[in-house]
C-alpha cells in the first residue's frame, strides 16, 4: 500500500530581493537599509531613555546608547543580502519612521508579503518572536498569520533562555483572503479625515460577520 505523501507542486524558482528593490505603499515606502539611515533611526530607537531601551528587550542585540556603535550595526546590516534589511520611510517626512501601532506597520507587512509571494515566488512568509513577547504574538495573529508552535529552548539571547513562537502565512492563505483583507483595510476610504479606521482588519477577513 502506498504511503501518503504531499501533493506535487510546480513553481518558478524563488528569488532573492534586489539591492534596488523599492516597495511603495500609500503611507510608507520600503527601501534597502543603508548607512545614511543610521542617524534618523538612532533618534527613534537609540539612547538611554527607558522607553527606547525597552524596545530591545526581545532583540538579539542592543540597546544602543551611543550613535557610533549603532552606526556600525547599521553598516553591517546594510551590507547583508541574507538576511536582507529594509528601512521604512514615511512618505510625509521622507525619513525613517517609527511605525509601532500605526497604519504604516500594517502596510509594511503587506508590502513585504506581496513582494515575497508575487515577485519573489515564495510559498511561505514567516513571523518569529520570543514566546514571551505578547504584543508581537497578537500582532502576528491580527495580520493573518497562523500560529505554528513553540521551538522550546531555541536559543540563548543576552544570557536568557528563549523559546521562539513561529507563525506563517502560506501562498494559498494569501491568495484566498489575507491579501484582500489587508488591501481593503489599507484603502484610504477605510479611514476618516483624522486618520481613524472605520472598520478593523478583522472585519475584512473571510467569514467575518462585518464583511
N, C-alpha and C. Protein backbone atom coordinates (compact mmCIF):
# COMPACT_ATOMS: atom_id res chain seq x y z
N UNK A 1 0.85 -1.19 0.00
CA UNK A 1 0.00 0.00 0.00
C UNK A 1 0.89 1.24 0.00
N UNK A 2 0.56 2.17 -0.88
CA UNK A 2 1.35 3.39 -0.98
C UNK A 2 1.15 4.26 0.25
N UNK A 3 2.21 4.80 0.75
CA UNK A 3 2.13 5.68 1.91
C UNK A 3 1.73 7.09 1.47
N UNK A 4 1.01 7.83 2.32
CA UNK A 4 0.58 9.19 1.94
C UNK A 4 1.77 10.12 1.78
N UNK A 5 1.70 10.94 0.76
CA UNK A 5 2.73 11.94 0.50
C UNK A 5 2.06 13.24 0.08
N UNK A 6 2.81 14.32 0.16
CA UNK A 6 2.27 15.62 -0.19
C UNK A 6 1.99 15.75 -1.68
N UNK A 7 1.16 16.73 -2.05
CA UNK A 7 0.83 16.94 -3.46
C UNK A 7 2.04 17.45 -4.25
N UNK A 8 2.04 17.16 -5.55
CA UNK A 8 3.07 17.69 -6.42
C UNK A 8 2.90 19.20 -6.55
N UNK A 9 4.01 19.91 -6.66
CA UNK A 9 3.97 21.34 -6.89
C UNK A 9 4.91 21.68 -8.05
N UNK A 10 4.56 22.72 -8.78
CA UNK A 10 5.41 23.20 -9.86
C UNK A 10 5.45 24.72 -9.77
N UNK A 11 6.57 25.23 -9.30
CA UNK A 11 6.70 26.66 -9.08
C UNK A 11 7.98 27.18 -9.73
N UNK A 12 7.97 28.43 -10.17
CA UNK A 12 9.22 29.02 -10.66
C UNK A 12 10.20 29.16 -9.51
N UNK A 13 11.50 29.21 -9.78
CA UNK A 13 12.49 29.33 -8.71
C UNK A 13 12.26 30.59 -7.89
N UNK A 14 12.45 30.47 -6.58
CA UNK A 14 12.36 31.64 -5.71
C UNK A 14 13.57 32.54 -5.92
N UNK A 15 13.37 33.83 -5.73
CA UNK A 15 14.42 34.82 -5.97
C UNK A 15 14.79 35.51 -4.67
N UNK A 16 15.96 36.17 -4.67
CA UNK A 16 16.36 37.00 -3.55
C UNK A 16 16.01 38.45 -3.84
N UNK A 17 15.75 39.25 -2.80
CA UNK A 17 15.50 40.68 -3.04
C UNK A 17 16.70 41.35 -3.69
N UNK A 18 16.43 42.36 -4.46
CA UNK A 18 17.48 43.12 -5.13
C UNK A 18 17.86 44.35 -4.32
N UNK A 19 19.11 44.76 -4.44
CA UNK A 19 19.54 46.00 -3.79
C UNK A 19 18.74 47.20 -4.25
N UNK A 20 18.15 47.10 -5.43
CA UNK A 20 17.40 48.22 -5.99
C UNK A 20 15.91 48.14 -5.66
N UNK A 21 15.53 47.14 -4.86
CA UNK A 21 14.12 46.96 -4.54
C UNK A 21 13.57 48.14 -3.74
N UNK A 22 12.49 48.72 -4.22
CA UNK A 22 11.76 49.76 -3.51
C UNK A 22 10.28 49.38 -3.56
N UNK A 23 9.66 49.27 -2.39
CA UNK A 23 8.26 48.87 -2.30
C UNK A 23 7.46 50.08 -1.80
N UNK A 24 6.55 50.56 -2.62
CA UNK A 24 5.84 51.81 -2.32
C UNK A 24 4.39 51.55 -1.97
N UNK A 25 3.97 52.09 -0.84
CA UNK A 25 2.59 52.00 -0.40
C UNK A 25 1.95 53.36 -0.33
N UNK A 26 0.79 53.43 0.32
CA UNK A 26 0.06 54.69 0.45
C UNK A 26 0.69 55.61 1.49
N UNK A 27 1.19 55.03 2.60
CA UNK A 27 1.72 55.85 3.69
C UNK A 27 3.23 55.72 3.89
N UNK A 28 3.79 54.59 3.44
CA UNK A 28 5.22 54.36 3.65
C UNK A 28 5.86 53.76 2.40
N UNK A 29 7.17 53.83 2.36
CA UNK A 29 7.96 53.17 1.32
C UNK A 29 9.02 52.31 2.01
N UNK A 30 9.27 51.13 1.46
CA UNK A 30 10.34 50.27 1.95
C UNK A 30 11.49 50.32 0.96
N UNK A 31 12.67 50.65 1.46
CA UNK A 31 13.87 50.64 0.62
C UNK A 31 14.98 49.93 1.37
N UNK A 32 15.97 49.46 0.63
CA UNK A 32 17.06 48.73 1.28
C UNK A 32 17.72 49.59 2.34
N UNK A 33 17.96 49.00 3.50
CA UNK A 33 18.63 49.70 4.58
C UNK A 33 20.00 50.17 4.12
N UNK A 34 20.35 51.41 4.46
CA UNK A 34 21.63 51.99 4.07
C UNK A 34 22.23 52.74 5.27
N UNK A 35 23.57 52.90 5.27
CA UNK A 35 24.21 53.63 6.37
C UNK A 35 23.64 55.02 6.59
N UNK A 36 23.13 55.65 5.54
CA UNK A 36 22.59 57.01 5.67
C UNK A 36 21.36 57.05 6.58
N UNK A 37 20.74 55.92 6.81
CA UNK A 37 19.55 55.87 7.67
C UNK A 37 19.88 55.86 9.15
N UNK A 38 21.16 55.62 9.48
CA UNK A 38 21.53 55.35 10.87
C UNK A 38 21.16 56.48 11.84
N UNK A 39 21.46 57.70 11.50
CA UNK A 39 21.24 58.80 12.44
C UNK A 39 19.77 58.99 12.74
N UNK A 40 18.93 58.98 11.71
CA UNK A 40 17.50 59.15 11.93
C UNK A 40 16.92 57.98 12.73
N UNK A 41 17.40 56.78 12.45
CA UNK A 41 16.93 55.61 13.20
C UNK A 41 17.37 55.68 14.66
N UNK A 42 18.59 56.15 14.89
CA UNK A 42 19.08 56.27 16.26
C UNK A 42 18.20 57.23 17.06
N UNK A 43 17.76 58.28 16.42
CA UNK A 43 16.88 59.24 17.11
C UNK A 43 15.57 58.58 17.54
N UNK A 44 15.18 57.53 16.84
CA UNK A 44 13.93 56.85 17.15
C UNK A 44 14.10 55.75 18.20
N UNK A 45 15.24 55.03 18.14
CA UNK A 45 15.37 53.83 18.97
C UNK A 45 16.63 53.80 19.83
N UNK A 46 17.48 54.82 19.73
CA UNK A 46 18.73 54.84 20.48
C UNK A 46 18.68 55.78 21.67
N UNK A 47 19.66 55.63 22.54
CA UNK A 47 19.73 56.48 23.71
C UNK A 47 19.44 55.71 24.99
N UNK A 48 19.43 56.44 26.10
CA UNK A 48 19.31 55.81 27.41
C UNK A 48 17.91 55.85 28.01
N UNK A 49 16.96 56.48 27.34
CA UNK A 49 15.61 56.57 27.89
C UNK A 49 15.00 55.18 28.00
N UNK A 50 14.36 54.86 29.11
CA UNK A 50 13.76 53.53 29.30
C UNK A 50 12.80 53.15 28.18
N UNK A 51 12.05 54.11 27.66
CA UNK A 51 11.09 53.82 26.60
C UNK A 51 11.79 53.32 25.34
N UNK A 52 13.04 53.74 25.14
CA UNK A 52 13.79 53.31 23.96
C UNK A 52 14.59 52.04 24.24
N UNK A 53 15.22 51.95 25.40
CA UNK A 53 15.99 50.75 25.71
C UNK A 53 15.09 49.52 25.78
N UNK A 54 13.84 49.69 26.22
CA UNK A 54 12.93 48.56 26.33
C UNK A 54 12.55 47.99 24.97
N UNK A 55 12.70 48.80 23.91
CA UNK A 55 12.40 48.31 22.56
C UNK A 55 13.29 47.13 22.18
N UNK A 56 14.43 47.00 22.84
CA UNK A 56 15.42 45.97 22.51
C UNK A 56 15.32 44.74 23.41
N UNK A 57 14.34 44.70 24.29
CA UNK A 57 14.26 43.61 25.26
C UNK A 57 14.25 42.23 24.60
N UNK A 58 13.52 42.10 23.49
CA UNK A 58 13.39 40.79 22.86
C UNK A 58 14.27 40.66 21.60
N UNK A 59 15.14 41.63 21.37
CA UNK A 59 16.02 41.59 20.21
C UNK A 59 17.33 40.89 20.56
N UNK A 60 18.02 40.40 19.54
CA UNK A 60 19.28 39.72 19.77
C UNK A 60 20.43 40.64 20.07
N UNK A 61 20.26 41.94 19.80
CA UNK A 61 21.31 42.92 20.07
C UNK A 61 20.68 44.12 20.78
N UNK A 62 21.52 45.17 20.99
CA UNK A 62 21.03 46.37 21.64
C UNK A 62 20.80 46.18 23.13
N UNK A 63 20.37 47.24 23.83
CA UNK A 63 20.11 48.59 23.30
C UNK A 63 21.39 49.34 22.95
N UNK A 64 21.22 50.43 22.20
CA UNK A 64 22.35 51.23 21.75
C UNK A 64 22.27 52.61 22.40
N UNK A 65 23.28 52.91 23.19
CA UNK A 65 23.34 54.20 23.88
C UNK A 65 24.08 55.23 23.06
N UNK A 66 25.09 54.78 22.29
CA UNK A 66 25.94 55.72 21.54
C UNK A 66 25.71 55.56 20.03
N UNK A 67 25.66 56.69 19.34
CA UNK A 67 25.41 56.70 17.91
C UNK A 67 26.48 55.92 17.15
N UNK A 68 27.74 56.04 17.54
CA UNK A 68 28.83 55.41 16.80
C UNK A 68 28.64 53.89 16.75
N UNK A 69 28.28 53.30 17.87
CA UNK A 69 28.07 51.85 17.92
C UNK A 69 26.88 51.46 17.04
N UNK A 70 25.84 52.27 17.08
CA UNK A 70 24.65 52.00 16.27
C UNK A 70 24.97 52.11 14.79
N UNK A 71 25.78 53.08 14.41
CA UNK A 71 26.15 53.25 13.01
C UNK A 71 26.89 52.03 12.48
N UNK A 72 27.75 51.43 13.32
CA UNK A 72 28.47 50.22 12.90
C UNK A 72 27.49 49.08 12.66
N UNK A 73 26.49 48.98 13.52
CA UNK A 73 25.48 47.93 13.36
C UNK A 73 24.70 48.12 12.07
N UNK A 74 24.28 49.34 11.78
CA UNK A 74 23.51 49.61 10.56
C UNK A 74 24.36 49.38 9.33
N UNK A 75 25.64 49.73 9.39
CA UNK A 75 26.54 49.50 8.25
C UNK A 75 26.66 48.01 7.95
N UNK A 76 26.77 47.19 9.00
CA UNK A 76 26.87 45.74 8.80
C UNK A 76 25.58 45.17 8.21
N UNK A 77 24.45 45.63 8.71
CA UNK A 77 23.18 45.13 8.20
C UNK A 77 22.92 45.63 6.78
N UNK A 78 23.40 46.80 6.47
CA UNK A 78 23.22 47.33 5.12
C UNK A 78 23.98 46.50 4.09
N UNK A 79 25.10 45.91 4.50
CA UNK A 79 25.91 45.10 3.60
C UNK A 79 25.38 43.68 3.44
N UNK A 80 24.45 43.28 4.30
CA UNK A 80 23.94 41.91 4.28
C UNK A 80 22.87 41.74 3.20
N UNK A 81 22.98 40.63 2.48
CA UNK A 81 21.95 40.28 1.50
C UNK A 81 21.05 39.15 2.00
N UNK A 82 21.51 38.41 2.98
CA UNK A 82 20.72 37.33 3.58
C UNK A 82 21.15 37.16 5.03
N UNK A 83 20.39 37.75 5.98
CA UNK A 83 19.08 38.39 5.77
C UNK A 83 19.20 39.74 5.09
N UNK A 84 18.10 40.15 4.48
CA UNK A 84 18.01 41.41 3.74
C UNK A 84 17.18 42.37 4.58
N UNK A 85 17.73 43.56 4.85
CA UNK A 85 17.07 44.50 5.74
C UNK A 85 16.50 45.69 4.96
N UNK A 86 15.27 46.06 5.31
CA UNK A 86 14.62 47.23 4.73
C UNK A 86 14.52 48.36 5.76
N UNK A 87 14.51 49.58 5.28
CA UNK A 87 14.17 50.74 6.09
C UNK A 87 12.77 51.18 5.72
N UNK A 88 11.98 51.55 6.73
CA UNK A 88 10.61 52.03 6.50
C UNK A 88 10.65 53.55 6.44
N UNK A 89 10.28 54.10 5.30
CA UNK A 89 10.36 55.55 5.06
C UNK A 89 8.96 56.15 5.05
N UNK A 90 8.74 57.12 5.91
CA UNK A 90 7.47 57.84 5.97
C UNK A 90 7.35 58.73 4.73
N UNK A 91 6.29 58.58 3.97
CA UNK A 91 6.15 59.35 2.74
C UNK A 91 5.91 60.83 2.99
N UNK A 92 5.48 61.19 4.20
CA UNK A 92 5.28 62.60 4.50
C UNK A 92 6.58 63.31 4.83
N UNK A 93 7.45 62.65 5.60
CA UNK A 93 8.70 63.27 6.02
C UNK A 93 9.89 62.87 5.18
N UNK A 94 9.74 61.80 4.38
CA UNK A 94 10.82 61.25 3.55
C UNK A 94 11.97 60.71 4.37
N UNK A 95 11.73 60.40 5.63
CA UNK A 95 12.76 59.84 6.50
C UNK A 95 12.26 58.59 7.20
N UNK A 96 13.19 57.81 7.81
CA UNK A 96 12.79 56.62 8.56
C UNK A 96 11.78 56.98 9.64
N UNK A 97 10.86 56.06 9.88
CA UNK A 97 9.77 56.36 10.80
C UNK A 97 9.55 55.24 11.80
N UNK A 98 9.01 55.59 12.93
CA UNK A 98 8.57 54.60 13.91
C UNK A 98 7.14 54.22 13.57
N UNK A 99 6.89 52.92 13.41
CA UNK A 99 5.57 52.50 12.92
C UNK A 99 4.79 51.64 13.91
N UNK A 100 5.28 51.49 15.14
CA UNK A 100 4.55 50.67 16.09
C UNK A 100 3.13 51.18 16.26
N UNK A 101 2.17 50.25 16.10
CA UNK A 101 0.74 50.56 16.27
C UNK A 101 0.27 51.67 15.35
N UNK A 102 0.76 51.69 14.10
CA UNK A 102 0.33 52.67 13.11
C UNK A 102 -0.12 51.95 11.85
N UNK A 103 -0.79 52.71 10.96
CA UNK A 103 -1.17 52.18 9.66
C UNK A 103 0.06 51.72 8.90
N UNK A 104 1.15 52.46 9.05
CA UNK A 104 2.38 52.11 8.35
C UNK A 104 2.91 50.75 8.71
N UNK A 105 2.69 50.30 9.94
CA UNK A 105 3.16 48.98 10.36
C UNK A 105 2.45 47.88 9.56
N UNK A 106 1.13 48.00 9.46
CA UNK A 106 0.37 47.03 8.68
C UNK A 106 0.77 47.10 7.21
N UNK A 107 0.95 48.31 6.70
CA UNK A 107 1.30 48.45 5.29
C UNK A 107 2.68 47.88 4.99
N UNK A 108 3.61 48.00 5.94
CA UNK A 108 4.95 47.43 5.74
C UNK A 108 4.87 45.92 5.57
N UNK A 109 4.09 45.25 6.41
CA UNK A 109 3.97 43.81 6.30
C UNK A 109 3.20 43.41 5.04
N UNK A 110 2.22 44.21 4.66
CA UNK A 110 1.52 43.94 3.40
C UNK A 110 2.48 44.01 2.22
N UNK A 111 3.29 45.06 2.16
CA UNK A 111 4.23 45.23 1.06
C UNK A 111 5.25 44.10 1.01
N UNK A 112 5.75 43.69 2.19
CA UNK A 112 6.72 42.60 2.23
C UNK A 112 6.10 41.28 1.80
N UNK A 113 4.88 41.00 2.27
CA UNK A 113 4.22 39.75 1.90
C UNK A 113 3.91 39.72 0.41
N UNK A 114 3.41 40.80 -0.12
CA UNK A 114 3.10 40.85 -1.55
C UNK A 114 4.37 40.65 -2.38
N UNK A 115 5.46 41.27 -1.96
CA UNK A 115 6.73 41.13 -2.68
C UNK A 115 7.21 39.68 -2.61
N UNK A 116 7.11 39.08 -1.43
CA UNK A 116 7.58 37.70 -1.25
C UNK A 116 6.78 36.72 -2.11
N UNK A 117 5.46 36.83 -2.09
CA UNK A 117 4.62 35.88 -2.81
C UNK A 117 4.56 36.16 -4.31
N UNK A 118 4.44 37.43 -4.69
CA UNK A 118 4.12 37.75 -6.07
C UNK A 118 5.32 38.13 -6.93
N UNK A 119 6.39 38.60 -6.29
CA UNK A 119 7.59 38.98 -7.06
C UNK A 119 8.71 37.95 -6.91
N UNK A 120 8.86 37.42 -5.71
CA UNK A 120 9.98 36.52 -5.43
C UNK A 120 9.58 35.05 -5.44
N UNK A 121 8.29 34.77 -5.58
CA UNK A 121 7.80 33.39 -5.76
C UNK A 121 7.97 32.49 -4.53
N UNK A 122 7.87 33.07 -3.32
CA UNK A 122 7.95 32.25 -2.12
C UNK A 122 6.61 31.60 -1.81
N UNK A 123 6.68 30.46 -1.09
CA UNK A 123 5.47 29.73 -0.71
C UNK A 123 4.99 30.08 0.69
N UNK A 124 5.88 30.63 1.53
CA UNK A 124 5.50 30.95 2.90
C UNK A 124 6.21 32.22 3.35
N UNK A 125 5.55 32.91 4.26
CA UNK A 125 6.02 34.18 4.81
C UNK A 125 6.00 34.01 6.32
N UNK A 126 7.14 34.13 6.98
CA UNK A 126 7.25 33.76 8.38
C UNK A 126 7.33 34.97 9.32
N UNK A 127 6.86 34.73 10.54
CA UNK A 127 6.99 35.67 11.65
C UNK A 127 7.50 34.86 12.83
N UNK A 128 8.61 35.28 13.42
CA UNK A 128 9.17 34.59 14.58
C UNK A 128 9.44 35.62 15.67
N UNK A 129 9.13 35.26 16.91
CA UNK A 129 9.35 36.18 18.02
C UNK A 129 9.56 35.40 19.30
N UNK A 130 10.10 36.08 20.30
CA UNK A 130 10.20 35.49 21.63
C UNK A 130 8.79 35.10 22.09
N UNK A 131 8.65 33.91 22.61
CA UNK A 131 7.31 33.45 23.01
C UNK A 131 6.71 34.30 24.11
N UNK A 132 7.55 35.05 24.86
CA UNK A 132 7.05 35.92 25.92
C UNK A 132 6.64 37.30 25.42
N UNK A 133 6.89 37.57 24.13
CA UNK A 133 6.57 38.87 23.55
C UNK A 133 5.10 38.89 23.13
N UNK A 134 4.24 39.15 24.09
CA UNK A 134 2.79 39.10 23.85
C UNK A 134 2.33 40.09 22.77
N UNK A 135 2.79 41.35 22.75
CA UNK A 135 2.34 42.27 21.70
C UNK A 135 2.70 41.78 20.30
N UNK A 136 3.88 41.18 20.15
CA UNK A 136 4.28 40.68 18.84
C UNK A 136 3.42 39.51 18.40
N UNK A 137 3.10 38.62 19.34
CA UNK A 137 2.25 37.49 19.01
C UNK A 137 0.84 37.93 18.62
N UNK A 138 0.31 38.92 19.31
CA UNK A 138 -1.02 39.43 18.98
C UNK A 138 -1.01 40.10 17.62
N UNK A 139 0.07 40.82 17.32
CA UNK A 139 0.18 41.50 16.02
C UNK A 139 0.20 40.48 14.88
N UNK A 140 0.93 39.38 15.07
CA UNK A 140 1.01 38.35 14.03
C UNK A 140 -0.38 37.79 13.73
N UNK A 141 -1.16 37.49 14.75
CA UNK A 141 -2.50 36.95 14.55
C UNK A 141 -3.42 37.97 13.90
N UNK A 142 -3.29 39.23 14.30
CA UNK A 142 -4.11 40.28 13.70
C UNK A 142 -3.86 40.38 12.20
N UNK A 143 -2.60 40.23 11.79
CA UNK A 143 -2.25 40.38 10.38
C UNK A 143 -2.61 39.17 9.53
N UNK A 144 -3.04 38.11 10.15
CA UNK A 144 -3.45 36.94 9.39
C UNK A 144 -2.49 35.78 9.41
N UNK A 145 -1.43 35.87 10.23
CA UNK A 145 -0.50 34.75 10.37
C UNK A 145 -1.16 33.63 11.18
N UNK A 146 -0.77 32.40 10.90
CA UNK A 146 -1.23 31.23 11.64
C UNK A 146 -0.14 30.77 12.60
N UNK A 147 -0.51 30.56 13.85
CA UNK A 147 0.45 30.09 14.85
C UNK A 147 0.83 28.64 14.54
N UNK A 148 2.13 28.36 14.47
CA UNK A 148 2.61 27.03 14.14
C UNK A 148 3.17 26.26 15.34
N UNK A 149 3.57 26.96 16.38
CA UNK A 149 4.08 26.25 17.55
C UNK A 149 5.24 26.97 18.20
N UNK A 150 5.79 26.33 19.23
CA UNK A 150 6.89 26.89 20.01
C UNK A 150 8.14 26.03 19.83
N UNK A 151 9.25 26.66 19.46
CA UNK A 151 10.56 25.99 19.49
C UNK A 151 11.10 26.19 20.90
N UNK A 152 11.01 25.15 21.73
CA UNK A 152 11.41 25.27 23.12
C UNK A 152 12.93 25.35 23.25
N UNK A 153 13.37 26.24 24.15
CA UNK A 153 14.80 26.47 24.38
C UNK A 153 15.55 26.60 23.05
N UNK A 154 14.99 27.43 22.19
CA UNK A 154 15.52 27.61 20.84
C UNK A 154 16.90 28.22 20.84
N UNK A 155 17.13 29.17 21.74
CA UNK A 155 18.42 29.86 21.76
C UNK A 155 18.61 30.56 23.10
N UNK A 156 19.83 31.06 23.29
CA UNK A 156 20.14 31.90 24.45
C UNK A 156 20.39 33.31 23.94
N UNK A 157 19.62 34.27 24.43
CA UNK A 157 19.72 35.65 23.98
C UNK A 157 20.03 36.53 25.18
N UNK A 158 21.17 37.19 25.13
CA UNK A 158 21.60 38.08 26.21
C UNK A 158 21.61 37.35 27.55
N UNK A 159 22.05 36.10 27.49
CA UNK A 159 22.17 35.31 28.70
C UNK A 159 20.89 34.69 29.20
N UNK A 160 19.79 34.88 28.47
CA UNK A 160 18.50 34.35 28.90
C UNK A 160 18.00 33.29 27.91
N UNK A 161 17.38 32.26 28.43
CA UNK A 161 16.80 31.23 27.58
C UNK A 161 15.60 31.79 26.83
N UNK A 162 15.53 31.49 25.54
CA UNK A 162 14.41 31.97 24.72
C UNK A 162 13.70 30.80 24.05
N UNK A 163 12.39 30.73 24.26
CA UNK A 163 11.51 29.90 23.46
C UNK A 163 10.99 30.79 22.33
N UNK A 164 10.94 30.26 21.11
CA UNK A 164 10.54 31.06 19.96
C UNK A 164 9.18 30.62 19.43
N UNK A 165 8.29 31.59 19.27
CA UNK A 165 6.97 31.34 18.68
C UNK A 165 7.06 31.54 17.17
N UNK A 166 6.54 30.57 16.43
CA UNK A 166 6.57 30.61 14.96
C UNK A 166 5.16 30.81 14.40
N UNK A 167 5.06 31.70 13.42
CA UNK A 167 3.82 31.96 12.71
C UNK A 167 4.12 31.99 11.21
N UNK A 168 3.11 31.76 10.39
CA UNK A 168 3.33 31.85 8.95
C UNK A 168 2.04 32.20 8.22
N UNK A 169 2.22 32.75 7.03
CA UNK A 169 1.17 32.85 6.02
C UNK A 169 1.69 32.07 4.82
N UNK A 170 0.89 31.14 4.29
CA UNK A 170 1.31 30.41 3.10
C UNK A 170 0.58 30.98 1.89
N UNK A 171 1.09 30.64 0.73
CA UNK A 171 0.59 31.24 -0.51
C UNK A 171 -0.92 31.09 -0.66
N UNK A 172 -1.46 29.91 -0.35
CA UNK A 172 -2.90 29.70 -0.50
C UNK A 172 -3.70 30.65 0.38
N UNK A 173 -3.21 30.90 1.59
CA UNK A 173 -3.90 31.80 2.51
C UNK A 173 -3.82 33.24 2.01
N UNK A 174 -2.67 33.61 1.46
CA UNK A 174 -2.51 34.94 0.88
C UNK A 174 -3.52 35.15 -0.24
N UNK A 175 -3.60 34.18 -1.14
CA UNK A 175 -4.49 34.31 -2.30
C UNK A 175 -5.96 34.24 -1.93
N UNK A 176 -6.30 33.53 -0.87
CA UNK A 176 -7.71 33.26 -0.57
C UNK A 176 -8.31 34.20 0.46
N UNK A 177 -7.57 35.21 0.91
CA UNK A 177 -8.22 36.14 1.82
C UNK A 177 -7.33 37.11 2.56
N UNK A 178 -6.10 36.72 2.87
CA UNK A 178 -5.22 37.62 3.65
C UNK A 178 -4.89 38.87 2.85
N UNK A 179 -4.55 38.70 1.58
CA UNK A 179 -4.24 39.86 0.74
C UNK A 179 -5.44 40.79 0.63
N UNK A 180 -6.61 40.22 0.37
CA UNK A 180 -7.83 41.02 0.23
C UNK A 180 -8.10 41.83 1.48
N UNK A 181 -7.99 41.18 2.65
CA UNK A 181 -8.29 41.87 3.91
C UNK A 181 -7.34 43.03 4.14
N UNK A 182 -6.05 42.81 3.89
CA UNK A 182 -5.07 43.88 4.09
C UNK A 182 -5.33 45.04 3.14
N UNK A 183 -5.61 44.73 1.87
CA UNK A 183 -5.83 45.80 0.90
C UNK A 183 -7.09 46.60 1.21
N UNK A 184 -8.14 45.94 1.63
CA UNK A 184 -9.37 46.65 1.98
C UNK A 184 -9.15 47.53 3.21
N UNK A 185 -8.43 47.00 4.20
CA UNK A 185 -8.19 47.78 5.42
C UNK A 185 -7.30 48.98 5.13
N UNK A 186 -6.29 48.81 4.29
CA UNK A 186 -5.33 49.88 4.00
C UNK A 186 -5.89 50.95 3.06
N UNK A 187 -6.97 50.66 2.37
CA UNK A 187 -7.54 51.62 1.43
C UNK A 187 -7.88 52.92 2.14
N UNK A 188 -7.57 54.04 1.51
CA UNK A 188 -7.83 55.33 2.11
C UNK A 188 -9.28 55.55 2.50
N UNK A 189 -10.20 54.86 1.81
CA UNK A 189 -11.62 55.00 2.12
C UNK A 189 -11.99 54.40 3.48
N UNK A 190 -11.08 53.58 4.04
CA UNK A 190 -11.35 52.96 5.34
C UNK A 190 -10.96 53.86 6.51
N UNK A 191 -10.47 55.06 6.22
CA UNK A 191 -10.03 55.97 7.27
C UNK A 191 -10.75 57.30 7.15
N UNK A 192 -11.12 57.88 8.31
CA UNK A 192 -11.77 59.18 8.29
C UNK A 192 -10.75 60.29 8.16
N UNK A 193 -11.23 61.52 8.22
CA UNK A 193 -10.34 62.67 7.99
C UNK A 193 -9.27 62.83 9.06
N UNK A 194 -9.46 62.21 10.21
CA UNK A 194 -8.46 62.28 11.28
C UNK A 194 -7.52 61.08 11.29
N UNK A 195 -7.72 60.16 10.33
CA UNK A 195 -6.85 59.00 10.24
C UNK A 195 -7.30 57.79 11.03
N UNK A 196 -8.50 57.85 11.65
CA UNK A 196 -9.01 56.72 12.40
C UNK A 196 -9.69 55.72 11.47
N UNK A 197 -9.48 54.42 11.74
CA UNK A 197 -10.07 53.38 10.92
C UNK A 197 -11.59 53.35 11.08
N UNK A 198 -12.28 53.00 9.99
CA UNK A 198 -13.72 52.84 10.03
C UNK A 198 -14.08 51.39 10.36
N UNK A 199 -13.34 50.45 9.79
CA UNK A 199 -13.53 49.04 10.08
C UNK A 199 -12.18 48.44 10.45
N UNK A 200 -12.18 47.47 11.36
CA UNK A 200 -10.95 46.80 11.78
C UNK A 200 -10.51 45.80 10.72
N UNK A 201 -9.23 45.47 10.74
CA UNK A 201 -8.70 44.49 9.79
C UNK A 201 -9.45 43.17 9.90
N UNK A 202 -9.78 42.79 11.12
CA UNK A 202 -10.50 41.54 11.34
C UNK A 202 -11.83 41.52 10.59
N UNK A 203 -12.45 42.69 10.42
CA UNK A 203 -13.75 42.77 9.76
C UNK A 203 -13.70 42.42 8.28
N UNK A 204 -12.51 42.48 7.67
CA UNK A 204 -12.37 42.18 6.25
C UNK A 204 -11.92 40.76 5.99
N UNK A 205 -11.67 40.00 7.04
CA UNK A 205 -11.20 38.63 6.83
C UNK A 205 -12.36 37.73 6.44
N UNK A 206 -12.09 36.68 5.65
CA UNK A 206 -13.16 35.78 5.23
C UNK A 206 -13.93 35.21 6.42
N UNK A 207 -15.26 35.19 6.30
CA UNK A 207 -16.09 34.66 7.36
C UNK A 207 -16.47 35.66 8.42
N UNK A 208 -15.93 36.88 8.35
CA UNK A 208 -16.29 37.88 9.34
C UNK A 208 -17.73 38.33 9.14
N UNK A 209 -18.44 38.50 10.24
CA UNK A 209 -19.83 38.95 10.16
C UNK A 209 -19.95 40.35 9.60
N UNK A 210 -18.85 41.15 9.76
CA UNK A 210 -18.88 42.55 9.30
C UNK A 210 -18.48 42.67 7.85
N UNK A 211 -18.02 41.57 7.24
CA UNK A 211 -17.51 41.63 5.87
C UNK A 211 -18.67 41.54 4.87
